[in-house]
Amino acid sequence: MENTNECQSCQMTMAELSEFGTNADGSRSEEYCCYCWENGAFLEPNQTLEGAIESNIPYLIEYGMAKTEDEAREMLQETMPVLKRWVL
């Protein structure tokens, strides 16, 4: 898979085939990553937007996208609410 997609739940960049989630029919999801979507369903179906933001803070810091928790939280609060999972 050559295209790079962004997970519409957690905002993870998906470039490798293994990073894409799976649909109920076994095909790869173009919208959700393997950490959010498996067999056509969310792995954490009751997760809230606020919970998703908090759980993603460490990853922004780990990958150098933010220096502090507050900076990461602010970035996520600006970008995640417009993702497909949270708009519906």
N, C-alpha and C. Protein backbone atom coordinates (compact mmCIF):
# COMPACT_ATOMS: atom_id res chain seq x y z
N MET A 1 0.86 -1.17 0.00
CA MET A 1 0.00 0.00 0.00
C MET A 1 0.90 1.23 0.00
N GLU A 2 0.76 2.06 -0.99
CA GLU A 2 1.67 3.20 -1.13
C GLU A 2 1.14 4.47 -0.47
N ASN A 3 -0.16 4.59 -0.37
CA ASN A 3 -0.73 5.80 0.21
C ASN A 3 -0.52 5.84 1.71
N THR A 4 -0.37 7.02 2.24
CA THR A 4 -0.29 7.21 3.68
C THR A 4 -1.61 7.79 4.13
N ASN A 5 -2.24 7.12 5.06
CA ASN A 5 -3.52 7.57 5.59
C ASN A 5 -3.36 7.94 7.05
N GLU A 6 -4.33 8.66 7.56
CA GLU A 6 -4.36 9.02 8.96
C GLU A 6 -5.58 8.36 9.59
N CYS A 7 -5.37 7.65 10.69
CA CYS A 7 -6.47 6.99 11.37
C CYS A 7 -7.51 8.02 11.78
N GLN A 8 -8.75 7.74 11.48
CA GLN A 8 -9.84 8.65 11.77
C GLN A 8 -10.40 8.46 13.18
N SER A 9 -9.61 7.80 14.02
CA SER A 9 -9.95 7.66 15.43
C SER A 9 -8.85 8.24 16.30
N CYS A 10 -7.60 7.83 16.04
CA CYS A 10 -6.48 8.26 16.91
C CYS A 10 -5.49 9.18 16.22
N GLN A 11 -5.61 9.33 14.94
CA GLN A 11 -4.76 10.22 14.13
C GLN A 11 -3.39 9.64 13.81
N MET A 12 -3.19 8.36 14.08
CA MET A 12 -1.91 7.72 13.75
C MET A 12 -1.73 7.70 12.24
N THR A 13 -0.53 7.97 11.79
CA THR A 13 -0.20 7.86 10.37
C THR A 13 -0.03 6.38 10.04
N MET A 14 -0.72 5.94 9.00
CA MET A 14 -0.65 4.54 8.58
C MET A 14 0.02 4.49 7.21
N ALA A 15 1.21 3.92 7.18
CA ALA A 15 1.96 3.82 5.92
C ALA A 15 2.18 2.37 5.53
N GLU A 16 2.41 1.52 6.51
CA GLU A 16 2.65 0.10 6.27
C GLU A 16 1.31 -0.64 6.29
N LEU A 17 1.18 -1.66 5.48
CA LEU A 17 -0.04 -2.45 5.42
C LEU A 17 -0.44 -2.97 6.80
N SER A 18 0.53 -3.36 7.59
CA SER A 18 0.25 -3.91 8.92
C SER A 18 -0.34 -2.88 9.88
N GLU A 19 -0.24 -1.61 9.56
CA GLU A 19 -0.75 -0.56 10.43
C GLU A 19 -2.25 -0.28 10.22
N PHE A 20 -2.80 -0.78 9.13
CA PHE A 20 -4.20 -0.56 8.83
C PHE A 20 -5.06 -1.57 9.58
N GLY A 21 -6.19 -1.13 10.10
CA GLY A 21 -7.13 -2.04 10.76
C GLY A 21 -7.80 -2.94 9.74
N THR A 22 -8.61 -3.88 10.24
CA THR A 22 -9.30 -4.82 9.35
C THR A 22 -10.81 -4.65 9.44
N ASN A 23 -11.46 -4.80 8.30
CA ASN A 23 -12.91 -4.77 8.23
C ASN A 23 -13.47 -6.15 8.53
N ALA A 24 -14.77 -6.24 8.70
CA ALA A 24 -15.42 -7.51 9.02
C ALA A 24 -15.16 -8.58 7.96
N ASP A 25 -15.00 -8.17 6.71
CA ASP A 25 -14.76 -9.14 5.63
C ASP A 25 -13.27 -9.49 5.47
N GLY A 26 -12.43 -8.97 6.37
CA GLY A 26 -11.00 -9.27 6.32
C GLY A 26 -10.17 -8.29 5.51
N SER A 27 -10.83 -7.40 4.77
CA SER A 27 -10.09 -6.40 4.00
C SER A 27 -9.51 -5.34 4.94
N ARG A 28 -8.55 -4.60 4.43
CA ARG A 28 -7.92 -3.54 5.21
C ARG A 28 -8.79 -2.29 5.20
N SER A 29 -8.89 -1.67 6.36
CA SER A 29 -9.64 -0.42 6.49
C SER A 29 -8.76 0.72 6.01
N GLU A 30 -9.31 1.59 5.22
CA GLU A 30 -8.59 2.78 4.77
C GLU A 30 -8.75 3.93 5.77
N GLU A 31 -9.62 3.75 6.77
CA GLU A 31 -9.94 4.83 7.70
C GLU A 31 -9.37 4.67 9.10
N TYR A 32 -9.18 3.43 9.54
CA TYR A 32 -8.79 3.20 10.93
C TYR A 32 -7.57 2.30 11.04
N CYS A 33 -6.74 2.56 12.04
CA CYS A 33 -5.51 1.78 12.24
C CYS A 33 -5.79 0.48 12.98
N CYS A 34 -4.76 -0.36 13.02
CA CYS A 34 -4.86 -1.66 13.66
C CYS A 34 -5.04 -1.56 15.18
N TYR A 35 -4.70 -0.43 15.78
CA TYR A 35 -4.85 -0.26 17.22
C TYR A 35 -6.26 0.20 17.60
N CYS A 36 -7.01 0.67 16.63
CA CYS A 36 -8.37 1.16 16.88
C CYS A 36 -9.46 0.26 16.29
N TRP A 37 -9.16 -0.46 15.21
CA TRP A 37 -10.20 -1.13 14.42
C TRP A 37 -9.77 -2.55 14.07
N GLU A 38 -10.59 -3.53 14.41
CA GLU A 38 -10.28 -4.92 14.10
C GLU A 38 -11.57 -5.67 13.81
N ASN A 39 -11.58 -6.42 12.72
CA ASN A 39 -12.76 -7.20 12.33
C ASN A 39 -14.02 -6.34 12.22
N GLY A 40 -13.85 -5.11 11.76
CA GLY A 40 -14.99 -4.24 11.51
C GLY A 40 -15.58 -3.56 12.73
N ALA A 41 -14.81 -3.51 13.81
CA ALA A 41 -15.32 -2.87 15.04
C ALA A 41 -14.18 -2.18 15.79
N PHE A 42 -14.55 -1.18 16.57
CA PHE A 42 -13.56 -0.50 17.39
C PHE A 42 -13.10 -1.43 18.52
N LEU A 43 -11.83 -1.44 18.79
CA LEU A 43 -11.29 -2.26 19.88
C LEU A 43 -11.72 -1.72 21.24
N GLU A 44 -11.95 -0.43 21.32
CA GLU A 44 -12.45 0.20 22.55
C GLU A 44 -13.72 0.97 22.20
N PRO A 45 -14.84 0.25 22.05
CA PRO A 45 -16.06 0.89 21.57
C PRO A 45 -16.64 1.96 22.50
N ASN A 46 -16.31 1.90 23.77
CA ASN A 46 -16.85 2.87 24.72
C ASN A 46 -15.90 4.03 25.01
N GLN A 47 -14.79 4.07 24.30
CA GLN A 47 -13.82 5.14 24.52
C GLN A 47 -14.43 6.49 24.14
N THR A 48 -14.15 7.49 24.94
CA THR A 48 -14.61 8.84 24.67
C THR A 48 -13.50 9.62 23.97
N LEU A 49 -13.85 10.73 23.38
CA LEU A 49 -12.86 11.60 22.76
C LEU A 49 -11.83 12.03 23.80
N GLU A 50 -12.30 12.40 24.98
CA GLU A 50 -11.40 12.84 26.04
C GLU A 50 -10.44 11.73 26.44
N GLY A 51 -10.95 10.50 26.51
CA GLY A 51 -10.09 9.36 26.83
C GLY A 51 -9.06 9.10 25.75
N ALA A 52 -9.47 9.24 24.50
CA ALA A 52 -8.55 9.04 23.39
C ALA A 52 -7.45 10.09 23.41
N ILE A 53 -7.82 11.31 23.70
CA ILE A 53 -6.82 12.39 23.78
C ILE A 53 -5.80 12.06 24.87
N GLU A 54 -6.28 11.71 26.04
CA GLU A 54 -5.37 11.41 27.15
C GLU A 54 -4.47 10.22 26.86
N SER A 55 -5.00 9.20 26.21
CA SER A 55 -4.18 8.01 25.93
C SER A 55 -3.15 8.25 24.83
N ASN A 56 -3.36 9.27 24.00
CA ASN A 56 -2.42 9.56 22.92
C ASN A 56 -1.33 10.55 23.31
N ILE A 57 -1.46 11.21 24.42
CA ILE A 57 -0.47 12.20 24.87
C ILE A 57 0.94 11.61 24.92
N PRO A 58 1.14 10.44 25.54
CA PRO A 58 2.50 9.89 25.61
C PRO A 58 3.14 9.64 24.24
N TYR A 59 2.33 9.29 23.26
CA TYR A 59 2.88 9.01 21.93
C TYR A 59 3.40 10.28 21.25
N LEU A 60 2.70 11.39 21.43
CA LEU A 60 3.18 12.65 20.85
C LEU A 60 4.52 13.04 21.46
N ILE A 61 4.67 12.82 22.75
CA ILE A 61 5.92 13.14 23.42
C ILE A 61 7.02 12.16 22.98
N GLU A 62 6.69 10.87 22.95
CA GLU A 62 7.66 9.84 22.57
C GLU A 62 8.22 10.06 21.17
N TYR A 63 7.37 10.48 20.24
CA TYR A 63 7.81 10.67 18.85
C TYR A 63 8.25 12.10 18.56
N GLY A 64 8.41 12.90 19.61
CA GLY A 64 8.97 14.24 19.46
C GLY A 64 8.03 15.26 18.84
N MET A 65 6.75 14.98 18.85
CA MET A 65 5.78 15.92 18.27
C MET A 65 5.36 16.99 19.28
N ALA A 66 5.61 16.71 20.56
CA ALA A 66 5.31 17.66 21.63
C ALA A 66 6.35 17.46 22.73
N LYS A 67 6.62 18.52 23.46
CA LYS A 67 7.63 18.43 24.52
C LYS A 67 7.02 18.16 25.89
N THR A 68 5.80 18.64 26.09
CA THR A 68 5.16 18.47 27.40
C THR A 68 3.77 17.88 27.23
N GLU A 69 3.23 17.37 28.32
CA GLU A 69 1.87 16.83 28.29
C GLU A 69 0.87 17.91 27.91
N ASP A 70 1.04 19.09 28.45
CA ASP A 70 0.11 20.19 28.14
C ASP A 70 0.15 20.54 26.66
N GLU A 71 1.35 20.58 26.09
CA GLU A 71 1.48 20.88 24.67
C GLU A 71 0.81 19.79 23.83
N ALA A 72 1.04 18.54 24.19
CA ALA A 72 0.44 17.42 23.47
C ALA A 72 -1.08 17.46 23.58
N ARG A 73 -1.58 17.69 24.78
CA ARG A 73 -3.02 17.75 25.00
C ARG A 73 -3.66 18.85 24.15
N GLU A 74 -3.03 20.00 24.12
CA GLU A 74 -3.56 21.12 23.34
C GLU A 74 -3.60 20.77 21.85
N MET A 75 -2.54 20.15 21.36
CA MET A 75 -2.50 19.75 19.95
C MET A 75 -3.63 18.77 19.64
N LEU A 76 -3.80 17.78 20.49
CA LEU A 76 -4.82 16.76 20.26
C LEU A 76 -6.23 17.34 20.38
N GLN A 77 -6.43 18.25 21.31
CA GLN A 77 -7.74 18.88 21.47
C GLN A 77 -8.12 19.72 20.25
N GLU A 78 -7.14 20.18 19.52
CA GLU A 78 -7.40 20.97 18.31
C GLU A 78 -7.66 20.09 17.09
N THR A 79 -7.01 18.93 17.04
CA THR A 79 -7.06 18.13 15.82
C THR A 79 -7.98 16.91 15.87
N MET A 80 -8.11 16.26 17.01
CA MET A 80 -8.88 15.03 17.07
C MET A 80 -10.39 15.20 16.94
N PRO A 81 -10.99 16.26 17.44
CA PRO A 81 -12.46 16.37 17.35
C PRO A 81 -13.02 16.37 15.92
N VAL A 82 -12.20 16.62 14.91
CA VAL A 82 -12.70 16.63 13.54
C VAL A 82 -12.52 15.29 12.83
N LEU A 83 -11.93 14.30 13.52
CA LEU A 83 -11.77 12.97 12.92
C LEU A 83 -13.13 12.28 12.83
N LYS A 84 -13.29 11.44 11.84
CA LYS A 84 -14.58 10.81 11.54
C LYS A 84 -15.22 10.14 12.76
N ARG A 85 -14.45 9.42 13.54
CA ARG A 85 -15.03 8.72 14.70
C ARG A 85 -15.70 9.67 15.66
N TRP A 86 -15.15 10.85 15.85
CA TRP A 86 -15.65 11.76 16.86
C TRP A 86 -16.68 12.75 16.32
N VAL A 87 -16.80 12.86 15.02
CA VAL A 87 -17.77 13.77 14.41
C VAL A 87 -19.15 13.12 14.36
N LEU A 88 -19.16 11.81 14.20
CA LEU A 88 -20.43 11.08 14.04
C LEU A 88 -21.34 11.19 15.24
